[in-house]
Amino acid sequence: MTARSLSDVEYNYKLINDRIAEAALKSGRSRDDITFLAATKTVDADVINHAISLGLDHIGENRVQELLSKYDDYNLESCSLQFIGHLQTNKVRQIIDKVDLIQSVDSLKLANEISKQSLKINKKTDVLIEVNIGKEENKSGIFPEMLEELLCQISEMDGISVKGLMAIPPICDTSQKISKFFNNMHNLFIDISQKKLDNISMTILSMGMSSDYYEAILEGANMVRIGSSLFGARNYI
C-alpha cells in the first residue's frame, strides 16, 4: 500500500459521496437516505480499513474464502460486513457468524440452509432476495414473477429475516436502458412492500455499481455497491 493509493481512495471516496448526495437530492431524498457499500473483492484489508477510517460504514465481499482470509484484519467496530456474491449452500456455515447481511439469496434451498445454520448459533440472519430483473439465463437471481412465492416460503423460516431486494441488471449501452431495469426493480420493490407479507420487510433496495450507481439512485435505490470507482481498477482472477 502506497501513500498515492491511499490518497486516491480518499479522493474517490469524497467524489462518490458527492455524487450520491447529488443523485439523492434529484430523487427527492437526502444523502443520509442512501447506503454506500464498498465492494471489496481483491482489495487488501489495510486499504479497506483506510476507507473505513474515512467514514465508510458498509463493506461487502463476493467470495467466502477471501472473506475468511481477511476477516481478522478488518476494522469492524463501526462497519457492517455483508456478503454480496453468489453463495453456495455448503459454505453458508463458514460465514453465518461473521456477516450482518447476505445480499444474494436466490433460492429456497439457500434460504433453508441460512435459516438452519443461523438457528444453530441462535441468530436470525438478515438477507436480501436477489432478483434476475433481466431474466438472463446465465445469471443468478430469481425471476420477478417467482419472487412473491419465494418470499412467502421464506417468511415461515425462523432463522432468516428478509430486509429487501438486490439486483444486477444486464449490461446496457445507454443510461436510458439501464434506468429502465432499475425502474422495474423499484416498481417490484414497491409492489411487494404494499402487499405487507408477514415477516417480510422491504427496507433495502440494493442496486447500482460503479458504472451506474447514479442512475440507480435516481430510480429509487437506497443502497449502492461500489468497488472500482473507490479502489481503482482491479485484476480479477
C-alpha atoms as a PDB file:
ATOM      1  CA  MET A   1       0.000   0.000   0.000  1.00  0.00           C
ATOM      2  CA  THR A   2       1.433   3.365  -1.042  1.00  0.00           C
ATOM      3  CA  ALA A   3       0.670   6.906   0.054  1.00  0.00           C
ATOM      4  CA  ARG A   4      -0.518   7.539  -3.510  1.00  0.00           C
ATOM      5  CA  SER A   5      -3.039   4.696  -3.375  1.00  0.00           C
ATOM      6  CA  LEU A   6      -4.389   5.919  -0.049  1.00  0.00           C
ATOM      7  CA  SER A   7      -4.656   9.435  -1.432  1.00  0.00           C
ATOM      8  CA  ASP A   8      -6.565   8.086  -4.434  1.00  0.00           C
ATOM      9  CA  VAL A   9      -9.020   6.289  -2.152  1.00  0.00           C
ATOM     10  CA  GLU A  10      -9.574   9.498  -0.190  1.00  0.00           C
ATOM     11  CA  TYR A  11     -10.220  11.487  -3.369  1.00  0.00           C
ATOM     12  CA  ASN A  12     -12.536   8.814  -4.783  1.00  0.00           C
ATOM     13  CA  TYR A  13     -14.423   8.444  -1.513  1.00  0.00           C
ATOM     14  CA  LYS A  14     -15.252  12.149  -1.422  1.00  0.00           C
ATOM     15  CA  LEU A  15     -16.195  12.226  -5.105  1.00  0.00           C
ATOM     16  CA  ILE A  16     -18.524   9.238  -4.751  1.00  0.00           C
ATOM     17  CA  ASN A  17     -20.198  10.709  -1.694  1.00  0.00           C
ATOM     18  CA  ASP A  18     -20.736  13.982  -3.531  1.00  0.00           C
ATOM     19  CA  ARG A  19     -22.322  12.185  -6.478  1.00  0.00           C
ATOM     20  CA  ILE A  20     -24.501  10.078  -4.182  1.00  0.00           C
ATOM     21  CA  ALA A  21     -25.682  13.243  -2.461  1.00  0.00           C
ATOM     22  CA  GLU A  22     -26.439  14.874  -5.819  1.00  0.00           C
ATOM     23  CA  ALA A  23     -28.405  11.879  -7.103  1.00  0.00           C
ATOM     24  CA  ALA A  24     -30.264  11.570  -3.802  1.00  0.00           C
ATOM     25  CA  LEU A  25     -31.297  15.220  -3.977  1.00  0.00           C
ATOM     26  CA  LYS A  26     -32.504  14.788  -7.557  1.00  0.00           C
ATOM     27  CA  SER A  27     -34.599  11.816  -6.458  1.00  0.00           C
ATOM     28  CA  GLY A  28     -36.199  13.785  -3.641  1.00  0.00           C
ATOM     29  CA  ARG A  29     -34.123  12.315  -0.831  1.00  0.00           C
ATOM     30  CA  SER A  30     -31.052  13.218   1.209  1.00  0.00           C
ATOM     31  CA  ARG A  31     -27.531  11.761   1.296  1.00  0.00           C
ATOM     32  CA  ASP A  32     -28.378  10.025   4.582  1.00  0.00           C
ATOM     33  CA  ASP A  33     -31.091   8.024   2.833  1.00  0.00           C
ATOM     34  CA  ILE A  34     -28.516   6.175   0.698  1.00  0.00           C
ATOM     35  CA  THR A  35     -26.146   3.499   1.971  1.00  0.00           C
ATOM     36  CA  PHE A  36     -22.730   3.414   0.309  1.00  0.00           C
ATOM     37  CA  LEU A  37     -21.411  -0.157   0.464  1.00  0.00           C
ATOM     38  CA  ALA A  38     -17.875  -0.726  -0.793  1.00  0.00           C
ATOM     39  CA  ALA A  39     -17.409  -3.906  -2.815  1.00  0.00           C
ATOM     40  CA  THR A  40     -14.035  -5.107  -1.577  1.00  0.00           C
ATOM     41  CA  LYS A  41     -13.194  -8.081  -3.805  1.00  0.00           C
ATOM     42  CA  THR A  42      -9.376  -8.330  -4.264  1.00  0.00           C
ATOM     43  CA  VAL A  43      -8.780  -5.251  -2.072  1.00  0.00           C
ATOM     44  CA  ASP A  44      -6.271  -5.637   0.769  1.00  0.00           C
ATOM     45  CA  ALA A  45      -7.583  -5.252   4.302  1.00  0.00           C
ATOM     46  CA  ASP A  46      -5.324  -2.277   5.049  1.00  0.00           C
ATOM     47  CA  VAL A  47      -6.796  -0.333   2.118  1.00  0.00           C
ATOM     48  CA  ILE A  48     -10.316  -1.281   3.218  1.00  0.00           C
ATOM     49  CA  ASN A  49      -9.521  -0.151   6.748  1.00  0.00           C
ATOM     50  CA  HIS A  50      -8.264   3.180   5.430  1.00  0.00           C
ATOM     51  CA  ALA A  51     -11.618   3.700   3.693  1.00  0.00           C
ATOM     52  CA  ILE A  52     -13.377   2.791   6.934  1.00  0.00           C
ATOM     53  CA  SER A  53     -11.306   5.421   8.728  1.00  0.00           C
ATOM     54  CA  LEU A  54     -12.702   7.997   6.274  1.00  0.00           C
ATOM     55  CA  GLY A  55     -16.253   7.159   7.314  1.00  0.00           C
ATOM     56  CA  LEU A  56     -17.151   4.143   5.170  1.00  0.00           C
ATOM     57  CA  ASP A  57     -19.522   2.019   7.244  1.00  0.00           C
ATOM     58  CA  HIS A  58     -20.573  -0.841   4.946  1.00  0.00           C
ATOM     59  CA  ILE A  59     -18.348  -3.316   3.088  1.00  0.00           C
ATOM     60  CA  GLY A  60     -19.245  -6.348   1.029  1.00  0.00           C
ATOM     61  CA  GLU A  61     -17.256  -9.407  -0.004  1.00  0.00           C
ATOM     62  CA  ASN A  62     -18.064 -11.618  -3.002  1.00  0.00           C
ATOM     63  CA  ARG A  63     -16.139 -14.741  -2.123  1.00  0.00           C
ATOM     64  CA  VAL A  64     -16.271 -16.844   1.018  1.00  0.00           C
ATOM     65  CA  GLN A  65     -12.592 -17.781   1.010  1.00  0.00           C
ATOM     66  CA  GLU A  66     -11.473 -14.201   0.571  1.00  0.00           C
ATOM     67  CA  LEU A  67     -13.778 -13.011   3.334  1.00  0.00           C
ATOM     68  CA  LEU A  68     -12.376 -15.614   5.702  1.00  0.00           C
ATOM     69  CA  SER A  69      -8.780 -14.767   4.814  1.00  0.00           C
ATOM     70  CA  LYS A  70      -9.281 -11.058   5.564  1.00  0.00           C
ATOM     71  CA  TYR A  71     -11.823 -11.258   8.383  1.00  0.00           C
ATOM     72  CA  ASP A  72      -9.444 -10.936  11.339  1.00  0.00           C
ATOM     73  CA  ASP A  73      -7.807  -7.875   9.752  1.00  0.00           C
ATOM     74  CA  TYR A  74     -10.969  -5.828   9.157  1.00  0.00           C
ATOM     75  CA  ASN A  75     -11.726  -2.912  11.480  1.00  0.00           C
ATOM     76  CA  LEU A  76     -15.399  -3.661  12.005  1.00  0.00           C
ATOM     77  CA  GLU A  77     -16.121  -1.717  15.188  1.00  0.00           C
ATOM     78  CA  SER A  78     -18.155   0.824  13.216  1.00  0.00           C
ATOM     79  CA  CYS A  79     -18.588  -1.000   9.921  1.00  0.00           C
ATOM     80  CA  SER A  80     -21.087  -3.601   8.709  1.00  0.00           C
ATOM     81  CA  LEU A  81     -19.682  -6.619   6.847  1.00  0.00           C
ATOM     82  CA  GLN A  82     -22.022  -8.144   4.284  1.00  0.00           C
ATOM     83  CA  PHE A  83     -21.824 -10.939   1.729  1.00  0.00           C
ATOM     84  CA  ILE A  84     -22.782  -9.805  -1.769  1.00  0.00           C
ATOM     85  CA  GLY A  85     -21.668 -12.621  -4.082  1.00  0.00           C
ATOM     86  CA  HIS A  86     -23.171 -15.917  -5.167  1.00  0.00           C
ATOM     87  CA  LEU A  87     -23.269 -18.169  -2.112  1.00  0.00           C
ATOM     88  CA  GLN A  88     -23.146 -21.963  -2.246  1.00  0.00           C
ATOM     89  CA  THR A  89     -25.190 -23.772   0.382  1.00  0.00           C
ATOM     90  CA  ASN A  90     -22.192 -25.808   1.579  1.00  0.00           C
ATOM     91  CA  LYS A  91     -20.349 -22.596   2.506  1.00  0.00           C
ATOM     92  CA  VAL A  92     -23.098 -20.883   4.477  1.00  0.00           C
ATOM     93  CA  ARG A  93     -21.880 -22.241   7.814  1.00  0.00           C
ATOM     94  CA  GLN A  94     -18.443 -20.678   7.245  1.00  0.00           C
ATOM     95  CA  ILE A  95     -19.728 -17.107   7.227  1.00  0.00           C
ATOM     96  CA  ILE A  96     -23.032 -17.170   9.097  1.00  0.00           C
ATOM     97  CA  ASP A  97     -21.472 -15.873  12.321  1.00  0.00           C
ATOM     98  CA  LYS A  98     -19.384 -13.231  10.549  1.00  0.00           C
ATOM     99  CA  VAL A  99     -21.746 -11.220   8.341  1.00  0.00           C
ATOM    100  CA  ASP A 100     -24.546  -8.818   9.170  1.00  0.00           C
ATOM    101  CA  LEU A 101     -26.484  -9.424   5.972  1.00  0.00           C
ATOM    102  CA  ILE A 102     -26.424 -11.757   2.946  1.00  0.00           C
ATOM    103  CA  GLN A 103     -27.489  -9.947  -0.222  1.00  0.00           C
ATOM    104  CA  SER A 104     -27.662 -12.807  -2.668  1.00  0.00           C
ATOM    105  CA  VAL A 105     -30.408 -15.250  -1.633  1.00  0.00           C
ATOM    106  CA  ASP A 106     -31.964 -16.610  -4.801  1.00  0.00           C
ATOM    107  CA  SER A 107     -33.456 -19.994  -3.928  1.00  0.00           C
ATOM    108  CA  LEU A 108     -35.485 -21.810  -1.304  1.00  0.00           C
ATOM    109  CA  LYS A 109     -32.600 -24.255  -0.816  1.00  0.00           C
ATOM    110  CA  LEU A 110     -30.147 -21.475   0.081  1.00  0.00           C
ATOM    111  CA  ALA A 111     -32.664 -19.755   2.352  1.00  0.00           C
ATOM    112  CA  ASN A 112     -33.294 -23.029   4.174  1.00  0.00           C
ATOM    113  CA  GLU A 113     -29.589 -23.547   4.788  1.00  0.00           C
ATOM    114  CA  ILE A 114     -29.115 -19.983   6.039  1.00  0.00           C
ATOM    115  CA  SER A 115     -32.018 -20.435   8.436  1.00  0.00           C
ATOM    116  CA  LYS A 116     -30.725 -23.814   9.640  1.00  0.00           C
ATOM    117  CA  GLN A 117     -27.181 -22.591  10.249  1.00  0.00           C
ATOM    118  CA  SER A 118     -28.452 -19.392  11.895  1.00  0.00           C
ATOM    119  CA  LEU A 119     -30.587 -21.285  14.383  1.00  0.00           C
ATOM    120  CA  LYS A 120     -27.574 -23.364  15.372  1.00  0.00           C
ATOM    121  CA  ILE A 121     -25.942 -20.196  16.741  1.00  0.00           C
ATOM    122  CA  ASN A 122     -29.179 -18.612  17.988  1.00  0.00           C
ATOM    123  CA  LYS A 123     -29.151 -15.984  15.270  1.00  0.00           C
ATOM    124  CA  LYS A 124     -31.705 -14.587  12.838  1.00  0.00           C
ATOM    125  CA  THR A 125     -29.815 -13.624   9.684  1.00  0.00           C
ATOM    126  CA  ASP A 126     -30.872 -10.616   7.631  1.00  0.00           C
ATOM    127  CA  VAL A 127     -30.974 -11.228   3.880  1.00  0.00           C
ATOM    128  CA  LEU A 128     -31.919  -9.637   0.589  1.00  0.00           C
ATOM    129  CA  ILE A 129     -33.532 -11.604  -2.204  1.00  0.00           C
ATOM    130  CA  GLU A 130     -31.597 -11.367  -5.465  1.00  0.00           C
ATOM    131  CA  VAL A 131     -33.866 -10.731  -8.438  1.00  0.00           C
ATOM    132  CA  ASN A 132     -32.807 -11.514 -12.004  1.00  0.00           C
ATOM    133  CA  ILE A 133     -34.576  -8.462 -13.363  1.00  0.00           C
ATOM    134  CA  GLY A 134     -33.264  -9.005 -16.891  1.00  0.00           C
ATOM    135  CA  LYS A 135     -34.209 -12.707 -16.905  1.00  0.00           C
ATOM    136  CA  GLU A 136     -30.712 -13.636 -18.058  1.00  0.00           C
ATOM    137  CA  GLU A 137     -30.209 -17.398 -18.195  1.00  0.00           C
ATOM    138  CA  ASN A 138     -26.518 -17.182 -17.267  1.00  0.00           C
ATOM    139  CA  LYS A 139     -27.065 -15.016 -14.187  1.00  0.00           C
ATOM    140  CA  SER A 140     -28.170 -15.894 -10.666  1.00  0.00           C
ATOM    141  CA  GLY A 141     -31.283 -14.438  -9.101  1.00  0.00           C
ATOM    142  CA  ILE A 142     -34.952 -15.358  -9.075  1.00  0.00           C
ATOM    143  CA  PHE A 143     -37.219 -14.221 -11.900  1.00  0.00           C
ATOM    144  CA  PRO A 144     -39.618 -11.426 -10.877  1.00  0.00           C
ATOM    145  CA  GLU A 145     -42.781 -13.492 -11.354  1.00  0.00           C
ATOM    146  CA  MET A 146     -41.480 -16.107  -8.892  1.00  0.00           C
ATOM    147  CA  LEU A 147     -40.491 -13.624  -6.183  1.00  0.00           C
ATOM    148  CA  GLU A 148     -43.696 -13.476  -4.159  1.00  0.00           C
ATOM    149  CA  GLU A 149     -43.932 -17.261  -3.868  1.00  0.00           C
ATOM    150  CA  LEU A 150     -40.341 -17.488  -2.624  1.00  0.00           C
ATOM    151  CA  LEU A 151     -40.937 -14.694  -0.111  1.00  0.00           C
ATOM    152  CA  CYS A 152     -43.994 -16.461   1.279  1.00  0.00           C
ATOM    153  CA  GLN A 153     -41.972 -19.655   1.743  1.00  0.00           C
ATOM    154  CA  ILE A 154     -39.066 -17.847   3.408  1.00  0.00           C
ATOM    155  CA  SER A 155     -41.411 -15.928   5.711  1.00  0.00           C
ATOM    156  CA  GLU A 156     -42.086 -19.170   7.588  1.00  0.00           C
ATOM    157  CA  MET A 157     -38.405 -19.755   8.439  1.00  0.00           C
ATOM    158  CA  ASP A 158     -37.340 -18.898  11.979  1.00  0.00           C
ATOM    159  CA  GLY A 159     -33.658 -18.217  11.304  1.00  0.00           C
ATOM    160  CA  ILE A 160     -33.941 -15.730   8.461  1.00  0.00           C
ATOM    161  CA  SER A 161     -35.335 -12.217   8.035  1.00  0.00           C
ATOM    162  CA  VAL A 162     -35.883 -10.654   4.594  1.00  0.00           C
ATOM    163  CA  LYS A 163     -34.961  -6.974   4.565  1.00  0.00           C
ATOM    164  CA  GLY A 164     -35.392  -6.182   0.872  1.00  0.00           C
ATOM    165  CA  LEU A 165     -34.231  -6.878  -2.659  1.00  0.00           C
ATOM    166  CA  MET A 166     -30.989  -6.839  -4.646  1.00  0.00           C
ATOM    167  CA  ALA A 167     -30.387  -6.852  -8.396  1.00  0.00           C
ATOM    168  CA  ILE A 168     -27.652  -6.704 -11.025  1.00  0.00           C
ATOM    169  CA  PRO A 169     -29.313  -5.634 -14.299  1.00  0.00           C
ATOM    170  CA  PRO A 170     -27.982  -6.622 -17.721  1.00  0.00           C
ATOM    171  CA  ILE A 171     -25.096  -4.673 -19.225  1.00  0.00           C
ATOM    172  CA  CYS A 172     -26.594  -1.804 -21.224  1.00  0.00           C
ATOM    173  CA  ASP A 173     -25.089   0.605 -23.722  1.00  0.00           C
ATOM    174  CA  THR A 174     -27.114   3.640 -22.625  1.00  0.00           C
ATOM    175  CA  SER A 175     -28.156   5.125 -19.310  1.00  0.00           C
ATOM    176  CA  GLN A 176     -31.779   5.116 -20.502  1.00  0.00           C
ATOM    177  CA  LYS A 177     -31.744   1.338 -20.919  1.00  0.00           C
ATOM    178  CA  ILE A 178     -30.168   0.631 -17.521  1.00  0.00           C
ATOM    179  CA  SER A 179     -32.541   3.116 -15.888  1.00  0.00           C
ATOM    180  CA  LYS A 180     -35.490   1.115 -17.228  1.00  0.00           C
ATOM    181  CA  PHE A 181     -34.275  -2.018 -15.436  1.00  0.00           C
ATOM    182  CA  PHE A 182     -33.717  -0.034 -12.243  1.00  0.00           C
ATOM    183  CA  ASN A 183     -37.203   1.431 -12.538  1.00  0.00           C
ATOM    184  CA  ASN A 184     -38.684  -2.057 -12.976  1.00  0.00           C
ATOM    185  CA  MET A 185     -36.861  -3.188  -9.845  1.00  0.00           C
ATOM    186  CA  HIS A 186     -38.149  -0.209  -7.877  1.00  0.00           C
ATOM    187  CA  ASN A 187     -41.706  -0.918  -9.020  1.00  0.00           C
ATOM    188  CA  LEU A 188     -41.315  -4.539  -7.903  1.00  0.00           C
ATOM    189  CA  PHE A 189     -39.929  -3.356  -4.562  1.00  0.00           C
ATOM    190  CA  ILE A 190     -42.905  -1.045  -4.034  1.00  0.00           C
ATOM    191  CA  ASP A 191     -45.378  -3.721  -5.120  1.00  0.00           C
ATOM    192  CA  ILE A 192     -44.015  -6.228  -2.611  1.00  0.00           C
ATOM    193  CA  SER A 193     -43.944  -3.542   0.096  1.00  0.00           C
ATOM    194  CA  GLN A 194     -47.630  -2.811  -0.413  1.00  0.00           C
ATOM    195  CA  LYS A 195     -48.583  -6.468  -0.059  1.00  0.00           C
ATOM    196  CA  LYS A 196     -47.407  -6.341   3.582  1.00  0.00           C
ATOM    197  CA  LEU A 197     -46.362 -10.001   3.650  1.00  0.00           C
ATOM    198  CA  ASP A 198     -45.939 -11.494   7.115  1.00  0.00           C
ATOM    199  CA  ASN A 199     -42.361 -11.369   8.426  1.00  0.00           C
ATOM    200  CA  ILE A 200     -41.122  -9.670   5.231  1.00  0.00           C
ATOM    201  CA  SER A 201     -39.646  -6.180   5.426  1.00  0.00           C
ATOM    202  CA  MET A 202     -38.944  -4.117   2.324  1.00  0.00           C
ATOM    203  CA  THR A 203     -36.468  -1.584   3.694  1.00  0.00           C
ATOM    204  CA  ILE A 204     -33.428  -2.098   1.417  1.00  0.00           C
ATOM    205  CA  LEU A 205     -33.264  -1.866  -2.373  1.00  0.00           C
ATOM    206  CA  SER A 206     -29.662  -2.685  -3.280  1.00  0.00           C
ATOM    207  CA  MET A 207     -28.834  -1.909  -6.907  1.00  0.00           C
ATOM    208  CA  GLY A 208     -26.248   0.085  -8.794  1.00  0.00           C
ATOM    209  CA  MET A 209     -22.490  -0.379  -9.023  1.00  0.00           C
ATOM    210  CA  SER A 210     -19.536   1.767 -10.053  1.00  0.00           C
ATOM    211  CA  SER A 211     -20.731   2.375 -13.606  1.00  0.00           C
ATOM    212  CA  ASP A 212     -24.390   3.041 -12.869  1.00  0.00           C
ATOM    213  CA  TYR A 213     -24.968   3.889  -9.194  1.00  0.00           C
ATOM    214  CA  TYR A 214     -26.050   7.437 -10.070  1.00  0.00           C
ATOM    215  CA  GLU A 215     -28.856   6.141 -12.313  1.00  0.00           C
ATOM    216  CA  ALA A 216     -29.799   3.519  -9.717  1.00  0.00           C
ATOM    217  CA  ILE A 217     -30.286   6.172  -7.039  1.00  0.00           C
ATOM    218  CA  LEU A 218     -32.382   8.293  -9.396  1.00  0.00           C
ATOM    219  CA  GLU A 219     -34.656   5.268  -9.854  1.00  0.00           C
ATOM    220  CA  GLY A 220     -35.043   4.513  -6.147  1.00  0.00           C
ATOM    221  CA  ALA A 221     -32.049   2.519  -4.889  1.00  0.00           C
ATOM    222  CA  ASN A 222     -31.211   3.154  -1.245  1.00  0.00           C
ATOM    223  CA  MET A 223     -28.063   1.019  -1.236  1.00  0.00           C
ATOM    224  CA  VAL A 224     -25.334   1.044  -3.882  1.00  0.00           C
ATOM    225  CA  ARG A 225     -22.402  -1.371  -4.168  1.00  0.00           C
ATOM    226  CA  ILE A 226     -19.281   0.434  -5.410  1.00  0.00           C
ATOM    227  CA  GLY A 227     -15.861  -1.141  -5.936  1.00  0.00           C
ATOM    228  CA  SER A 228     -13.615   0.055  -8.763  1.00  0.00           C
ATOM    229  CA  SER A 229     -14.726   3.694  -8.548  1.00  0.00           C
ATOM    230  CA  LEU A 230     -13.453   3.713  -4.968  1.00  0.00           C
ATOM    231  CA  PHE A 231     -10.447   1.393  -5.074  1.00  0.00           C
ATOM    232  CA  GLY A 232      -9.419   1.650  -8.719  1.00  0.00           C
ATOM    233  CA  ALA A 233      -9.421  -0.975 -11.448  1.00  0.00           C
ATOM    234  CA  ARG A 234      -8.639  -4.440 -10.170  1.00  0.00           C
ATOM    235  CA  ASN A 235      -7.266  -7.623 -11.674  1.00  0.00           C
ATOM    236  CA  TYR A 236      -9.821 -10.367 -11.148  1.00  0.00           C
ATOM    237  CA  ILE A 237      -8.588 -13.929 -11.004  1.00  0.00           C
END
